[in-house]
Protein backbone atom coordinates (compact mmCIF):
# COMPACT_ATOMS: atom_id res chain seq x y z
CA UNK A 1 -2.89 18.32 -47.14
CA UNK A 2 -4.55 20.35 -49.91
CA UNK A 3 -6.44 23.39 -48.64
CA UNK A 4 -8.78 25.12 -51.08
CA UNK A 5 -10.62 27.48 -48.74
CA UNK A 6 -9.55 29.93 -46.05
CA UNK A 7 -11.12 27.66 -43.43
CA UNK A 8 -9.20 24.62 -44.61
CA UNK A 9 -6.00 26.65 -44.68
CA UNK A 10 -6.60 27.90 -41.14
CA UNK A 11 -7.13 24.34 -39.97
CA UNK A 12 -3.95 23.15 -41.68
CA UNK A 13 -2.02 26.10 -40.28
CA UNK A 14 -3.19 25.28 -36.74
CA UNK A 15 -1.87 21.73 -37.13
CA UNK A 16 1.59 22.82 -38.31
CA UNK A 17 4.02 22.43 -35.45
CA UNK A 18 7.01 24.72 -35.06
CA UNK A 19 8.05 27.22 -37.70
CA UNK A 20 6.55 27.45 -41.17
CA UNK A 21 8.25 28.30 -44.47
CA UNK A 22 6.16 29.39 -47.44
CA UNK A 23 6.78 29.19 -51.19
CA UNK A 24 4.14 31.12 -53.21
CA UNK A 25 3.76 29.93 -56.83
CA UNK A 26 1.45 30.21 -59.80
CA UNK A 27 1.80 26.49 -60.43
CA UNK A 28 3.37 24.84 -63.49
CA UNK A 29 6.11 23.79 -61.09
CA UNK A 30 9.59 23.07 -62.43
CA UNK A 31 12.98 22.37 -60.90
CA UNK A 32 13.36 26.03 -59.96
CA UNK A 33 10.27 25.84 -57.78
CA UNK A 34 11.39 22.54 -56.34
CA UNK A 35 14.73 24.05 -55.37
CA UNK A 36 12.86 26.76 -53.45
CA UNK A 37 10.81 24.10 -51.67
CA UNK A 38 13.96 22.22 -50.69
CA UNK A 39 15.46 25.48 -49.45
CA UNK A 40 12.29 26.10 -47.44
CA UNK A 41 12.59 22.67 -45.87
CA UNK A 42 15.97 23.68 -44.46
CA UNK A 43 14.62 26.91 -42.99
CA UNK A 44 11.60 25.73 -40.98
CA UNK A 45 9.85 22.76 -39.42
CA UNK A 46 7.00 22.70 -41.97
CA UNK A 47 6.56 23.90 -45.56
CA UNK A 48 3.53 25.40 -47.28
CA UNK A 49 3.20 26.02 -51.02
CA UNK A 50 0.48 28.04 -52.71
CA UNK A 51 -0.75 27.49 -56.26
CA UNK A 52 -2.76 30.42 -57.62
CA UNK A 53 -2.62 32.14 -60.99
CA UNK A 54 -3.21 35.72 -59.91
CA UNK A 55 -5.31 37.69 -62.42
CA UNK A 56 -4.38 41.05 -60.90
CA UNK A 57 -0.80 40.87 -62.16
CA UNK A 58 -1.68 40.18 -65.80
CA UNK A 59 -2.29 43.14 -68.06
CA UNK A 60 -4.53 43.37 -71.15
CA UNK A 61 -3.27 41.08 -73.90
CA UNK A 62 -1.01 39.09 -71.56
CA UNK A 63 -1.14 35.33 -71.17
CA UNK A 64 -3.48 34.85 -68.20
CA UNK A 65 -5.87 32.55 -70.08
CA UNK A 66 -3.14 30.36 -71.54
CA UNK A 67 -0.79 30.44 -68.56
CA UNK A 68 0.08 26.75 -67.96
CA UNK A 69 -2.07 25.05 -65.35
CA UNK A 70 -0.75 21.61 -64.37
CA UNK A 71 -2.36 21.02 -61.01
CA UNK A 72 -2.06 17.23 -60.83
CA UNK A 73 1.65 17.17 -61.63
CA UNK A 74 2.18 20.15 -59.32
CA UNK A 75 0.67 18.17 -56.45
CA UNK A 76 2.87 15.18 -57.32
CA UNK A 77 5.93 17.46 -57.17
CA UNK A 78 4.85 18.86 -53.80
CA UNK A 79 4.32 15.37 -52.43
CA UNK A 80 7.74 14.28 -53.68
CA UNK A 81 9.34 17.28 -51.93
CA UNK A 82 7.51 16.58 -48.65
CA UNK A 83 5.34 19.71 -48.65
CA UNK A 84 3.05 19.77 -45.62
CA UNK A 85 0.31 22.07 -46.92
CA UNK A 86 -0.67 23.10 -50.46
CA UNK A 87 -2.97 26.12 -50.55
CA UNK A 88 -4.79 26.04 -53.90
CA UNK A 89 -7.58 28.63 -53.73
CA UNK A 90 -9.91 29.55 -56.54
CA UNK A 91 -10.40 33.13 -57.62
CA UNK A 92 -13.57 33.33 -55.52
CA UNK A 93 -11.52 32.55 -52.40
CA UNK A 94 -8.78 35.12 -53.02
CA UNK A 95 -11.11 37.78 -54.45
CA UNK A 96 -14.66 37.10 -53.24
CA UNK A 97 -15.51 40.66 -54.24
CA UNK A 98 -13.88 43.06 -56.68
CA UNK A 99 -10.98 44.45 -54.60
CA UNK A 100 -11.32 48.11 -53.71
CA UNK A 101 -8.15 48.45 -51.61
CA UNK A 102 -4.94 47.19 -53.19
CA UNK A 103 -1.21 47.71 -52.85
CA UNK A 104 0.45 50.43 -54.92
CA UNK A 105 3.98 49.51 -55.83
CA UNK A 106 5.24 53.10 -55.96
CA UNK A 107 8.11 54.44 -58.06
CA UNK A 108 10.05 51.16 -57.98
CA UNK A 109 7.09 49.43 -59.59
CA UNK A 110 7.03 51.84 -62.53
CA UNK A 111 10.54 51.22 -63.84
CA UNK A 112 12.30 48.37 -65.70
CA UNK A 113 9.78 45.49 -65.78
CA UNK A 114 7.10 47.79 -64.39
CA UNK A 115 7.53 50.18 -67.32
CA UNK A 116 6.81 47.41 -69.82
CA UNK A 117 3.98 45.88 -67.75
CA UNK A 118 2.04 48.75 -66.11
CA UNK A 119 0.20 47.64 -62.98
CA UNK A 120 1.94 44.27 -62.83
CA UNK A 121 3.70 44.90 -59.55
CA UNK A 122 0.59 46.39 -57.94
CA UNK A 123 -1.22 43.11 -58.59
CA UNK A 124 1.75 41.01 -57.53
CA UNK A 125 2.23 42.81 -54.22
CA UNK A 126 -1.49 42.71 -53.49
CA UNK A 127 -1.71 38.94 -53.83
CA UNK A 128 1.57 38.35 -51.98
CA UNK A 129 0.35 40.39 -49.01
CA UNK A 130 -2.96 38.53 -49.02
CA UNK A 131 -1.16 35.19 -49.11
CA UNK A 132 1.21 36.19 -46.30
CA UNK A 133 -1.76 37.27 -44.19
CA UNK A 134 -3.59 34.01 -44.83
CA UNK A 135 -0.68 31.57 -44.48
CA UNK A 136 1.12 33.48 -41.67
CA UNK A 137 4.56 31.97 -42.34
CA UNK A 138 7.73 32.68 -40.40
CA UNK A 139 9.76 32.83 -43.61
CA UNK A 140 8.83 33.12 -47.30
CA UNK A 141 11.08 32.17 -50.21
CA UNK A 142 11.03 33.82 -53.63
CA UNK A 143 13.21 33.14 -56.66
CA UNK A 144 16.03 35.53 -57.52
CA UNK A 145 15.21 35.19 -61.23
CA UNK A 146 12.46 37.71 -60.55
CA UNK A 147 14.92 40.15 -58.99
CA UNK A 148 12.69 43.22 -59.13
CA UNK A 149 9.79 41.27 -57.65
CA UNK A 150 11.99 40.06 -54.80
CA UNK A 151 13.27 43.59 -54.13
CA UNK A 152 9.75 44.98 -54.05
CA UNK A 153 8.45 42.27 -51.73
CA UNK A 154 11.30 43.00 -49.34
CA UNK A 155 10.44 46.71 -49.48
CA UNK A 156 6.74 46.07 -48.90
CA UNK A 157 7.46 43.83 -45.90
CA UNK A 158 9.75 46.49 -44.43
CA UNK A 159 7.45 49.44 -45.16
CA UNK A 160 4.30 47.74 -43.85
CA UNK A 161 5.92 45.89 -40.93
CA UNK A 162 4.81 42.47 -42.13
CA UNK A 163 6.11 39.90 -39.60
CA UNK A 164 7.87 37.54 -42.02
CA UNK A 165 11.46 36.98 -43.14
CA UNK A 166 11.97 37.12 -46.90
CA UNK A 167 14.64 34.88 -48.42
CA UNK A 168 15.83 34.70 -52.02
CA UNK A 169 16.49 31.45 -53.85
CA UNK A 170 19.15 31.14 -56.55
CA UNK A 171 18.10 31.00 -60.20
CA UNK A 172 18.09 27.49 -61.63
CA UNK A 173 19.14 27.11 -65.26
CA UNK A 174 18.90 24.54 -68.01
CA UNK A 175 22.24 23.00 -69.08
CA UNK A 176 22.35 25.47 -72.00
CA UNK A 177 21.99 28.43 -69.63
CA UNK A 178 18.32 29.32 -70.14
CA UNK A 179 16.76 30.31 -66.82
CA UNK A 180 13.96 27.96 -65.84
CA UNK A 181 10.51 29.47 -66.28
CA UNK A 182 7.00 28.08 -66.58
CA UNK A 183 6.76 30.01 -69.83
CA UNK A 184 9.69 28.16 -71.44
CA UNK A 185 7.25 25.47 -72.55
CA UNK A 186 5.76 27.97 -75.00
CA UNK A 187 9.02 28.19 -76.96
CA UNK A 188 9.59 26.34 -80.21
CA UNK A 189 13.05 24.90 -80.85
CA UNK A 190 13.98 27.90 -83.00
CA UNK A 191 12.58 30.38 -80.47
CA UNK A 192 14.53 28.69 -77.71
CA UNK A 193 17.78 29.16 -79.62
CA UNK A 194 17.06 32.88 -79.85
CA UNK A 195 16.07 33.03 -76.17
CA UNK A 196 19.53 31.81 -75.16
CA UNK A 197 20.79 35.30 -76.02
CA UNK A 198 19.45 36.50 -72.66
CA UNK A 199 21.78 34.36 -70.57
CA UNK A 200 24.66 34.85 -73.02
CA UNK A 201 24.26 38.61 -72.69
CA UNK A 202 24.43 38.35 -68.91
CA UNK A 203 27.62 36.30 -69.07
CA UNK A 204 29.17 38.77 -71.52
CA UNK A 205 28.26 41.62 -69.21
CA UNK A 206 29.73 39.83 -66.19
CA UNK A 207 33.02 39.35 -68.05
CA UNK A 208 33.22 43.11 -68.60
CA UNK A 209 32.79 44.10 -64.93
CA UNK A 210 36.48 45.12 -64.45
CA UNK A 211 36.01 47.76 -67.17
CA UNK A 212 33.03 49.36 -65.43
CA UNK A 213 29.25 49.74 -65.82
CA UNK A 214 29.28 51.23 -69.32
CA UNK A 215 31.40 48.35 -70.59
CA UNK A 216 29.02 45.84 -69.02
CA UNK A 217 26.02 47.33 -70.81
CA UNK A 218 27.93 47.53 -74.08
CA UNK A 219 29.01 43.89 -73.90
CA UNK A 220 25.50 42.69 -73.08
CA UNK A 221 24.04 44.91 -75.78
CA UNK A 222 26.30 43.46 -78.45
CA UNK A 223 24.93 39.98 -77.81
CA UNK A 224 21.35 41.19 -77.73
CA UNK A 225 21.70 43.19 -80.94
CA UNK A 226 22.53 39.97 -82.78
CA UNK A 227 19.47 38.29 -81.30
CA UNK A 228 17.26 41.18 -82.41
CA UNK A 229 18.31 40.37 -85.98
CA UNK A 230 17.98 36.59 -85.58
CA UNK A 231 15.29 34.38 -87.10
CA UNK A 232 13.06 34.30 -85.12
CA UNK A 233 14.02 37.65 -83.60
CA UNK A 234 14.19 38.80 -80.00
CA UNK A 235 11.94 41.78 -79.34
CA UNK A 236 14.05 43.44 -76.66
CA UNK A 237 12.19 45.16 -73.83
CA UNK A 238 15.22 46.33 -71.88
CA UNK A 239 18.76 45.71 -70.76
CA UNK A 240 19.61 47.69 -67.63
CA UNK A 241 22.20 47.84 -64.89
CA UNK A 242 20.55 48.92 -61.65
CA UNK A 243 20.98 49.32 -57.92
CA UNK A 244 19.45 46.12 -56.44
CA UNK A 245 17.62 47.94 -53.68
CA UNK A 246 15.97 50.66 -55.81
CA UNK A 247 16.23 49.47 -59.44
CA UNK A 248 17.51 52.91 -60.38
CA UNK A 249 20.22 52.75 -63.10
CA UNK A 250 23.76 52.99 -61.78
CA UNK A 251 26.20 55.70 -62.86
CA UNK A 252 29.38 55.06 -64.88
CA UNK A 253 31.48 55.53 -61.71
CA UNK A 254 29.27 53.33 -59.51
CA UNK A 255 30.80 50.95 -56.99
CA UNK A 256 28.96 48.27 -55.06
CA UNK A 257 26.37 45.60 -55.87
CA UNK A 258 24.30 45.84 -59.03
CA UNK A 259 21.81 43.79 -61.03
CA UNK A 260 22.18 43.35 -64.77
CA UNK A 261 18.62 42.67 -65.94
CA UNK A 262 17.29 41.84 -69.38
CA UNK A 263 13.87 41.05 -70.81
CA UNK A 264 12.25 40.52 -74.17
CA UNK A 265 9.81 38.52 -76.20
CA UNK A 266 10.54 35.65 -78.49
CA UNK A 267 7.43 34.91 -80.49
CA UNK A 268 4.63 35.52 -78.00
CA UNK A 269 6.66 34.50 -74.96
CA UNK A 270 7.85 37.10 -72.46
CA UNK A 271 11.14 36.14 -70.79
CA UNK A 272 13.24 37.81 -68.10
CA UNK A 273 16.66 37.08 -66.63
CA UNK A 274 19.25 38.81 -64.48
CA UNK A 275 22.63 38.44 -62.85
CA UNK A 276 24.04 39.97 -59.66
CA UNK A 277 27.32 41.82 -60.16
CA UNK A 278 29.67 43.86 -58.00
CA UNK A 279 31.80 46.83 -58.97
CA UNK A 280 34.88 47.75 -57.00
CA UNK A 281 36.43 45.69 -54.24
CA UNK A 282 34.25 43.10 -52.57
CA UNK A 283 33.88 43.64 -48.84
């Protein structure tokens, strides 16, 4: 069933028997989204997917107007994956009036990706909370490729006592290592070759884990420096090694789990990627 209004969603939700798993998306579905839907199917009796390009999380000059919108093929993908309910609201449904009360992402939303995209996480958390309130799922699944987003959603759910379980889904990659993203379709062949530096930098950093955090950043940075000088070049936004629960940079003597995160632009396309690492003995 496709629900476009709050009333249609409420009706569909009332018909769903048992537990409900929810996969929020902005559409332009690819294999990464489909893997989250399949994961959702294993976690609940019914699955809901939302398709909504949220204007609140796009800043001035970002790609809201040209963000890919492929509704018909998205619905075909949902049908193929056995989705029970697709919630596809228009802007007038999600924001019938200019919102006056929104979520503030706090200090975690102002670092790393938040430092390069001010206000992005405020808009993301606001729409996620609205969707969780409307869909009322038992569990919601978000991709681990957006590691900071996932960490912030978990924090919001904990801080605001939202009655839902948040689950991460593993990053899905192309055979050449590029993390799947709806924005990959913007890349030319030459830009794609440059973009591969992101995943190569992560692998180089992972290989340096035994030598410690500073060595990880140095190894990743060496790969990225070459991409910055490539044709076309990578415009590097950041490469950081952070605590996964706070996104604060780790110290040179740090032990425990960490996230190596990288982001940059190739041409006009903004790309992010990350890898989970662990320093010291695994428990």
